[in-house]
PDB file of N, CA and C in Angstrom:
ATOM      1  N   MET A   1      31.252  95.694 123.373  1.00  0.00           N
ATOM      2  CA  MET A   1      32.600  96.178 123.150  1.00  0.00           C
ATOM      3  C   MET A   1      32.673  97.647 123.553  1.00  0.00           C
ATOM      4  N   ASN A   2      33.698  97.980 124.349  1.00  0.00           N
ATOM      5  CA  ASN A   2      33.875  99.360 124.780  1.00  0.00           C
ATOM      6  C   ASN A   2      34.372 100.222 123.631  1.00  0.00           C
ATOM      7  N   ASP A   3      34.204 101.510 123.809  1.00  0.00           N
ATOM      8  CA  ASP A   3      34.722 102.438 122.809  1.00  0.00           C
ATOM      9  C   ASP A   3      36.245 102.420 122.781  1.00  0.00           C
ATOM     10  N   TYR A   4      36.863 102.168 123.956  1.00  0.00           N
ATOM     11  CA  TYR A   4      38.320 102.129 124.013  1.00  0.00           C
ATOM     12  C   TYR A   4      38.890 100.971 123.213  1.00  0.00           C
ATOM     13  N   GLU A   5      38.228  99.838 123.272  1.00  0.00           N
ATOM     14  CA  GLU A   5      38.748  98.655 122.596  1.00  0.00           C
ATOM     15  C   GLU A   5      38.750  98.802 121.085  1.00  0.00           C
ATOM     16  N   SER A   6      37.881  99.612 120.569  1.00  0.00           N
ATOM     17  CA  SER A   6      37.812  99.785 119.125  1.00  0.00           C
ATOM     18  C   SER A   6      38.569 101.030 118.647  1.00  0.00           C
ATOM     19  N   SER A   7      39.141 101.779 119.577  1.00  0.00           N
ATOM     20  CA  SER A   7      39.849 103.002 119.213  1.00  0.00           C
ATOM     21  C   SER A   7      41.282 102.698 118.809  1.00  0.00           C
ATOM     22  N   LEU A   8      41.688 103.201 117.663  1.00  0.00           N
ATOM     23  CA  LEU A   8      43.054 103.038 117.193  1.00  0.00           C
ATOM     24  C   LEU A   8      44.034 103.763 118.108  1.00  0.00           C
ATOM     25  N   TRP A   9      43.686 104.948 118.581  1.00  0.00           N
ATOM     26  CA  TRP A   9      44.574 105.727 119.430  1.00  0.00           C
ATOM     27  C   TRP A   9      44.832 105.036 120.765  1.00  0.00           C
ATOM     28  N   PHE A  10      43.832 104.349 121.285  1.00  0.00           N
ATOM     29  CA  PHE A  10      44.002 103.611 122.519  1.00  0.00           C
ATOM     30  C   PHE A  10      45.056 102.519 122.350  1.00  0.00           C
ATOM     31  N   TRP A  11      44.966 101.760 121.291  1.00  0.00           N
ATOM     32  CA  TRP A  11      45.911 100.671 121.058  1.00  0.00           C
ATOM     33  C   TRP A  11      47.305 101.193 120.727  1.00  0.00           C
ATOM     34  N   LEU A  12      47.382 102.296 120.004  1.00  0.00           N
ATOM     35  CA  LEU A  12      48.692 102.893 119.738  1.00  0.00           C
ATOM     36  C   LEU A  12      49.351 103.381 121.032  1.00  0.00           C
ATOM     37  N   LEU A  13      48.547 103.923 121.936  1.00  0.00           N
ATOM     38  CA  LEU A  13      49.064 104.371 123.224  1.00  0.00           C
ATOM     39  C   LEU A  13      49.551 103.185 124.058  1.00  0.00           C
ATOM     40  N   ILE A  14      48.791 102.112 124.085  1.00  0.00           N
ATOM     41  CA  ILE A  14      49.182 100.919 124.840  1.00  0.00           C
ATOM     42  C   ILE A  14      50.461 100.309 124.275  1.00  0.00           C
ATOM     43  N   ILE A  15      50.528 100.128 122.967  1.00  0.00           N
ATOM     44  CA  ILE A  15      51.705  99.528 122.330  1.00  0.00           C
ATOM     45  C   ILE A  15      52.923 100.433 122.487  1.00  0.00           C
ATOM     46  N   GLY A  16      52.739 101.728 122.328  1.00  0.00           N
ATOM     47  CA  GLY A  16      53.849 102.666 122.507  1.00  0.00           C
ATOM     48  C   GLY A  16      54.364 102.682 123.938  1.00  0.00           C
ATOM     49  N   SER A  17      53.469 102.609 124.906  1.00  0.00           N
ATOM     50  CA  SER A  17      53.881 102.580 126.312  1.00  0.00           C
ATOM     51  C   SER A  17      54.653 101.307 126.630  1.00  0.00           C
ATOM     52  N   LEU A  18      54.189 100.177 126.131  1.00  0.00           N
ATOM     53  CA  LEU A  18      54.890  98.917 126.374  1.00  0.00           C
ATOM     54  C   LEU A  18      56.255  98.882 125.684  1.00  0.00           C
ATOM     55  N   ALA A  19      56.333  99.442 124.485  1.00  0.00           N
ATOM     56  CA  ALA A  19      57.614  99.483 123.778  1.00  0.00           C
ATOM     57  C   ALA A  19      58.610 100.388 124.511  1.00  0.00           C
ATOM     58  N   THR A  20      58.133 101.514 125.020  1.00  0.00           N
ATOM     59  CA  THR A  20      59.001 102.413 125.777  1.00  0.00           C
ATOM     60  C   THR A  20      59.474 101.755 127.066  1.00  0.00           C
ATOM     61  N   LEU A  21      58.585 101.053 127.735  1.00  0.00           N
ATOM     62  CA  LEU A  21      58.955 100.340 128.951  1.00  0.00           C
ATOM     63  C   LEU A  21      59.972  99.243 128.654  1.00  0.00           C
ATOM     64  N   ALA A  22      59.840  98.598 127.510  1.00  0.00           N
ATOM     65  CA  ALA A  22      60.757  97.511 127.152  1.00  0.00           C
ATOM     66  C   ALA A  22      62.171  98.019 126.909  1.00  0.00           C
ATOM     67  N   ILE A  23      62.319  99.194 126.332  1.00  0.00           N
ATOM     68  CA  ILE A  23      63.651  99.720 126.035  1.00  0.00           C
ATOM     69  C   ILE A  23      64.127 100.729 127.080  1.00  0.00           C
ATOM     70  N   LEU A  24      63.433 100.811 128.200  1.00  0.00           N
ATOM     71  CA  LEU A  24      63.793 101.760 129.254  1.00  0.00           C
ATOM     72  C   LEU A  24      65.232 101.590 129.756  1.00  0.00           C
ATOM     73  N   PRO A  25      65.726 100.364 130.001  1.00  0.00           N
ATOM     74  CA  PRO A  25      67.128 100.257 130.432  1.00  0.00           C
ATOM     75  C   PRO A  25      68.118 100.817 129.409  1.00  0.00           C
ATOM     76  N   THR A  26      67.851 100.601 128.139  1.00  0.00           N
ATOM     77  CA  THR A  26      68.728 101.140 127.102  1.00  0.00           C
ATOM     78  C   THR A  26      68.677 102.661 127.086  1.00  0.00           C
ATOM     79  N   LEU A  27      67.491 103.226 127.231  1.00  0.00           N
ATOM     80  CA  LEU A  27      67.365 104.687 127.257  1.00  0.00           C
ATOM     81  C   LEU A  27      68.093 105.287 128.462  1.00  0.00           C
ATOM     82  N   ILE A  28      67.969 104.642 129.612  1.00  0.00           N
ATOM     83  CA  ILE A  28      68.654 105.130 130.805  1.00  0.00           C
ATOM     84  C   ILE A  28      70.169 105.064 130.610  1.00  0.00           C
ATOM     85  N   ALA A  29      70.662 103.972 130.023  1.00  0.00           N
ATOM     86  CA  ALA A  29      72.099 103.826 129.794  1.00  0.00           C
ATOM     87  C   ALA A  29      72.610 104.877 128.810  1.00  0.00           C
ATOM     88  N   ILE A  30      71.828 105.200 127.806  1.00  0.00           N
ATOM     89  CA  ILE A  30      72.229 106.230 126.840  1.00  0.00           C
ATOM     90  C   ILE A  30      72.268 107.601 127.513  1.00  0.00           C
ATOM     91  N   ILE A  31      71.257 107.909 128.308  1.00  0.00           N
ATOM     92  CA  ILE A  31      71.206 109.208 128.979  1.00  0.00           C
ATOM     93  C   ILE A  31      72.332 109.343 129.995  1.00  0.00           C
ATOM     94  N   ARG A  32      72.614 108.263 130.753  1.00  0.00           N
ATOM     95  CA  ARG A  32      73.686 108.297 131.740  1.00  0.00           C
ATOM     96  C   ARG A  32      75.069 108.171 131.122  1.00  0.00           C
ATOM     97  N   LYS A  33      75.145 107.818 129.837  1.00  0.00           N
ATOM     98  CA  LYS A  33      76.412 107.574 129.142  1.00  0.00           C
ATOM     99  C   LYS A  33      77.190 106.475 129.862  1.00  0.00           C
ATOM    100  N   ALA A  34      76.539 105.343 130.023  1.00  0.00           N
ATOM    101  CA  ALA A  34      77.142 104.212 130.729  1.00  0.00           C
ATOM    102  C   ALA A  34      78.345 103.686 129.965  1.00  0.00           C
ATOM    103  N   ASP A  35      79.268 103.107 130.694  1.00  0.00           N
ATOM    104  CA  ASP A  35      80.517 102.642 130.107  1.00  0.00           C
ATOM    105  C   ASP A  35      80.293 101.512 129.109  1.00  0.00           C
ATOM    106  N   SER A  36      79.560 100.507 129.477  1.00  0.00           N
ATOM    107  CA  SER A  36      79.370  99.340 128.625  1.00  0.00           C
ATOM    108  C   SER A  36      77.965  99.339 128.036  1.00  0.00           C
ATOM    109  N   LEU A  37      77.721 100.275 127.164  1.00  0.00           N
ATOM    110  CA  LEU A  37      76.401 100.430 126.562  1.00  0.00           C
ATOM    111  C   LEU A  37      76.018  99.216 125.728  1.00  0.00           C
ATOM    112  N   SER A  38      76.959  98.639 125.018  1.00  0.00           N
ATOM    113  CA  SER A  38      76.642  97.486 124.171  1.00  0.00           C
ATOM    114  C   SER A  38      76.198  96.282 124.999  1.00  0.00           C
ATOM    115  N   THR A  39      76.778  96.102 126.169  1.00  0.00           N
ATOM    116  CA  THR A  39      76.366  95.004 127.043  1.00  0.00           C
ATOM    117  C   THR A  39      74.937  95.198 127.522  1.00  0.00           C
ATOM    118  N   ILE A  40      74.595  96.396 127.890  1.00  0.00           N
ATOM    119  CA  ILE A  40      73.241  96.685 128.364  1.00  0.00           C
ATOM    120  C   ILE A  40      72.235  96.493 127.236  1.00  0.00           C
ATOM    121  N   ILE A  41      72.577  96.947 126.044  1.00  0.00           N
ATOM    122  CA  ILE A  41      71.676  96.760 124.898  1.00  0.00           C
ATOM    123  C   ILE A  41      71.503  95.288 124.595  1.00  0.00           C
ATOM    124  N   LEU A  42      72.582  94.522 124.650  1.00  0.00           N
ATOM    125  CA  LEU A  42      72.500  93.090 124.379  1.00  0.00           C
ATOM    126  C   LEU A  42      71.633  92.370 125.408  1.00  0.00           C
ATOM    127  N   ILE A  43      71.857  92.647 126.679  1.00  0.00           N
ATOM    128  CA  ILE A  43      71.046  92.009 127.717  1.00  0.00           C
ATOM    129  C   ILE A  43      69.597  92.454 127.620  1.00  0.00           C
ATOM    130  N   ASN A  44      69.364  93.715 127.327  1.00  0.00           N
ATOM    131  CA  ASN A  44      68.001  94.205 127.192  1.00  0.00           C
ATOM    132  C   ASN A  44      67.301  93.572 125.990  1.00  0.00           C
ATOM    133  N   THR A  45      68.010  93.430 124.892  1.00  0.00           N
ATOM    134  CA  THR A  45      67.398  92.861 123.687  1.00  0.00           C
ATOM    135  C   THR A  45      67.100  91.371 123.863  1.00  0.00           C
ATOM    136  N   LEU A  46      68.074  90.628 124.370  1.00  0.00           N
ATOM    137  CA  LEU A  46      67.897  89.190 124.505  1.00  0.00           C
ATOM    138  C   LEU A  46      67.038  88.808 125.710  1.00  0.00           C
ATOM    139  N   GLY A  47      67.095  89.603 126.761  1.00  0.00           N
ATOM    140  CA  GLY A  47      66.395  89.228 127.977  1.00  0.00           C
ATOM    141  C   GLY A  47      65.095  89.947 128.224  1.00  0.00           C
ATOM    142  N   CYS A  48      64.649  90.748 127.290  1.00  0.00           N
ATOM    143  CA  CYS A  48      63.429  91.528 127.495  1.00  0.00           C
ATOM    144  C   CYS A  48      62.198  90.639 127.640  1.00  0.00           C
ATOM    145  N   ALA A  49      62.185  89.522 126.965  1.00  0.00           N
ATOM    146  CA  ALA A  49      61.019  88.644 127.017  1.00  0.00           C
ATOM    147  C   ALA A  49      61.025  87.750 128.250  1.00  0.00           C
ATOM    148  N   THR A  50      62.113  87.716 128.984  1.00  0.00           N
ATOM    149  CA  THR A  50      62.175  86.870 130.168  1.00  0.00           C
ATOM    150  C   THR A  50      61.892  87.682 131.419  1.00  0.00           C
ATOM    151  N   ILE A  51      61.716  86.980 132.484  1.00  0.00           N
ATOM    152  CA  ILE A  51      61.443  87.647 133.756  1.00  0.00           C
ATOM    153  C   ILE A  51      62.709  88.285 134.306  1.00  0.00           C
ATOM    154  N   PHE A  52      63.871  87.674 134.067  1.00  0.00           N
ATOM    155  CA  PHE A  52      65.112  88.118 134.686  1.00  0.00           C
ATOM    156  C   PHE A  52      65.941  89.057 133.815  1.00  0.00           C
ATOM    157  N   GLY A  53      65.765  89.032 132.529  1.00  0.00           N
ATOM    158  CA  GLY A  53      66.608  89.826 131.647  1.00  0.00           C
ATOM    159  C   GLY A  53      66.368  91.315 131.744  1.00  0.00           C
ATOM    160  N   TRP A  54      65.123  91.731 131.762  1.00  0.00           N
ATOM    161  CA  TRP A  54      64.807  93.155 131.800  1.00  0.00           C
ATOM    162  C   TRP A  54      65.253  93.800 133.103  1.00  0.00           C
ATOM    163  N   PRO A  55      64.958  93.199 134.276  1.00  0.00           N
ATOM    164  CA  PRO A  55      65.473  93.813 135.508  1.00  0.00           C
ATOM    165  C   PRO A  55      66.999  93.821 135.587  1.00  0.00           C
ATOM    166  N   ALA A  56      67.640  92.794 135.047  1.00  0.00           N
ATOM    167  CA  ALA A  56      69.101  92.771 135.039  1.00  0.00           C
ATOM    168  C   ALA A  56      69.650  93.920 134.199  1.00  0.00           C
ATOM    169  N   ALA A  57      69.048  94.159 133.050  1.00  0.00           N
ATOM    170  CA  ALA A  57      69.480  95.277 132.207  1.00  0.00           C
ATOM    171  C   ALA A  57      69.219  96.612 132.894  1.00  0.00           C
ATOM    172  N   LEU A  58      68.118  96.706 133.613  1.00  0.00           N
ATOM    173  CA  LEU A  58      67.801  97.946 134.329  1.00  0.00           C
ATOM    174  C   LEU A  58      68.811  98.202 135.447  1.00  0.00           C
ATOM    175  N   VAL A  59      69.157  97.167 136.196  1.00  0.00           N
ATOM    176  CA  VAL A  59      70.139  97.318 137.271  1.00  0.00           C
ATOM    177  C   VAL A  59      71.503  97.699 136.692  1.00  0.00           C
ATOM    178  N   LEU A  60      71.898  97.063 135.599  1.00  0.00           N
ATOM    179  CA  LEU A  60      73.168  97.417 134.965  1.00  0.00           C
ATOM    180  C   LEU A  60      73.163  98.855 134.470  1.00  0.00           C
ATOM    181  N   ALA A  61      72.054  99.279 133.882  1.00  0.00           N
ATOM    182  CA  ALA A  61      71.967 100.644 133.365  1.00  0.00           C
ATOM    183  C   ALA A  61      72.078 101.676 134.478  1.00  0.00           C
ATOM    184  N   LEU A  62      71.590 101.331 135.652  1.00  0.00           N
ATOM    185  CA  LEU A  62      71.630 102.277 136.762  1.00  0.00           C
ATOM    186  C   LEU A  62      72.933 102.229 137.549  1.00  0.00           C
ATOM    187  N   THR A  63      73.653 101.109 137.502  1.00  0.00           N
ATOM    188  CA  THR A  63      74.839 100.977 138.339  1.00  0.00           C
ATOM    189  C   THR A  63      76.164 101.028 137.591  1.00  0.00           C
ATOM    190  N   MET A  64      76.167 100.871 136.281  1.00  0.00           N
ATOM    191  CA  MET A  64      77.428 100.930 135.528  1.00  0.00           C
ATOM    192  C   MET A  64      78.035 102.328 135.658  1.00  0.00           C
ATOM    193  N   PRO A  65      79.359 102.402 135.784  1.00  0.00           N
ATOM    194  CA  PRO A  65      79.980 103.727 135.855  1.00  0.00           C
ATOM    195  C   PRO A  65      79.842 104.465 134.530  1.00  0.00           C
ATOM    196  N   ARG A  66      79.827 105.768 134.639  1.00  0.00           N
ATOM    197  CA  ARG A  66      79.735 106.593 133.432  1.00  0.00           C
ATOM    198  C   ARG A  66      81.087 106.649 132.744  1.00  0.00           C
ATOM    199  N   ARG A  67      81.054 106.895 131.436  1.00  0.00           N
ATOM    200  CA  ARG A  67      82.312 106.976 130.681  1.00  0.00           C
ATOM    201  C   ARG A  67      83.185 108.115 131.168  1.00  0.00           C
ATOM    202  N   ASP A  68      82.613 109.248 131.498  1.00  0.00           N
ATOM    203  CA  ASP A  68      83.416 110.390 131.929  1.00  0.00           C
ATOM    204  C   ASP A  68      84.034 110.160 133.301  1.00  0.00           C
ATOM    205  N   GLU A  69      83.433 109.318 134.146  1.00  0.00           N
ATOM    206  CA  GLU A  69      84.032 108.996 135.438  1.00  0.00           C
ATOM    207  C   GLU A  69      85.291 108.153 135.259  1.00  0.00           C
ATOM    208  N   LEU A  70      85.332 107.342 134.233  1.00  0.00           N
ATOM    209  CA  LEU A  70      86.487 106.495 134.003  1.00  0.00           C
ATOM    210  C   LEU A  70      87.639 107.257 133.370  1.00  0.00           C
ATOM    211  N   LEU A  71      87.374 108.380 132.749  1.00  0.00           N
ATOM    212  CA  LEU A  71      88.419 109.146 132.087  1.00  0.00           C
ATOM    213  C   LEU A  71      89.178 110.058 133.039  1.00  0.00           C
ATOM    214  N   ASP A  72      88.597 110.379 134.182  1.00  0.00           N
ATOM    215  CA  ASP A  72      89.264 111.253 135.140  1.00  0.00           C
ATOM    216  C   ASP A  72      90.435 110.520 135.777  1.00  0.00           C
ATOM    217  N   PRO A  73      91.623 111.133 135.783  1.00  0.00           N
ATOM    218  CA  PRO A  73      92.760 110.479 136.431  1.00  0.00           C
ATOM    219  C   PRO A  73      92.560 110.479 137.949  1.00  0.00           C
ATOM    220  N   PRO A  74      93.050 109.449 138.641  1.00  0.00           N
ATOM    221  CA  PRO A  74      92.845 109.391 140.081  1.00  0.00           C
ATOM    222  C   PRO A  74      93.703 110.391 140.849  1.00  0.00           C
ATOM    223  N   TYR A  75      94.791 110.861 140.240  1.00  0.00           N
ATOM    224  CA  TYR A  75      95.687 111.807 140.891  1.00  0.00           C
ATOM    225  C   TYR A  75      95.788 113.067 140.033  1.00  0.00           C
ATOM    226  N   PRO A  76      96.301 114.133 140.640  1.00  0.00           N
ATOM    227  CA  PRO A  76      96.536 115.339 139.831  1.00  0.00           C
ATOM    228  C   PRO A  76      97.498 115.036 138.684  1.00  0.00           C
ATOM    229  N   ARG A  77      97.459 115.855 137.697  1.00  0.00           N
ATOM    230  CA  ARG A  77      98.246 115.597 136.493  1.00  0.00           C
ATOM    231  C   ARG A  77      99.741 115.566 136.777  1.00  0.00           C
ATOM    232  N   TYR A  78     100.229 116.444 137.626  1.00  0.00           N
ATOM    233  CA  TYR A  78     101.660 116.512 137.915  1.00  0.00           C
ATOM    234  C   TYR A  78     101.900 116.071 139.351  1.00  0.00           C
ATOM    235  N   GLY A  79     102.554 114.949 139.529  1.00  0.00           N
ATOM    236  CA  GLY A  79     102.929 114.487 140.858  1.00  0.00           C
ATOM    237  C   GLY A  79     101.828 113.716 141.548  1.00  0.00           C
ATOM    238  N   TYR A  80     102.149 113.292 142.751  1.00  0.00           N
ATOM    239  CA  TYR A  80     101.229 112.517 143.572  1.00  0.00           C
ATOM    240  C   TYR A  80     100.878 113.323 144.810  1.00  0.00           C
ATOM    241  N   PRO A  81      99.799 112.977 145.468  1.00  0.00           N
ATOM    242  CA  PRO A  81      99.471 113.679 146.709  1.00  0.00           C
ATOM    243  C   PRO A  81     100.528 113.429 147.782  1.00  0.00           C
ATOM    244  N   GLN A  82     100.680 114.371 148.696  1.00  0.00           N
ATOM    245  CA  GLN A  82     101.663 114.248 149.765  1.00  0.00           C
ATOM    246  C   GLN A  82     101.283 113.099 150.697  1.00  0.00           C
ATOM    247  N   GLY A  83     102.299 112.440 151.256  1.00  0.00           N
ATOM    248  CA  GLY A  83     102.060 111.416 152.251  1.00  0.00           C
ATOM    249  C   GLY A  83     101.951 110.008 151.684  1.00  0.00           C
ATOM    250  N   GLU A  84     102.113 109.831 150.397  1.00  0.00           N
ATOM    251  CA  GLU A  84     102.067 108.485 149.830  1.00  0.00           C
ATOM    252  C   GLU A  84     103.379 107.771 150.122  1.00  0.00           C
ATOM    253  N   ILE A  85     103.357 106.477 150.173  1.00  0.00           N
ATOM    254  CA  ILE A  85     104.546 105.680 150.421  1.00  0.00           C
ATOM    255  C   ILE A  85     105.536 105.906 149.289  1.00  0.00           C
ATOM    256  N   GLY A  86     106.772 106.227 149.657  1.00  0.00           N
ATOM    257  CA  GLY A  86     107.810 106.441 148.663  1.00  0.00           C
ATOM    258  C   GLY A  86     107.884 107.876 148.177  1.00  0.00           C
ATOM    259  N   HIS A  87     106.986 108.742 148.631  1.00  0.00           N
ATOM    260  CA  HIS A  87     107.020 110.138 148.250  1.00  0.00           C
ATOM    261  C   HIS A  87     107.075 110.985 149.526  1.00  0.00           C
ATOM    262  N   PRO A  88     107.913 112.025 149.543  1.00  0.00           N
ATOM    263  CA  PRO A  88     108.023 112.856 150.756  1.00  0.00           C
ATOM    264  C   PRO A  88     106.795 113.692 150.991  1.00  0.00           C
TER     265      PRO A  88
END
């Protein structure tokens, strides 16, 4: 038996690394302030043990729009840009 196999710190490091890797999509979504955080958490929680669930949650965490991007109005606050149909 190796010294590593009997070391408590070795096993804590391995388990901690795997746990961090498992919740990585959720952490990325929280840091990015993704719009549908609950969906990403749900897919990550339910699909973490499968082959397809974890990558799906990771892709969603990286591609979902941020909440602050959705709050910005598409036009200036007063009026519309020049040249739009129906506006001089």
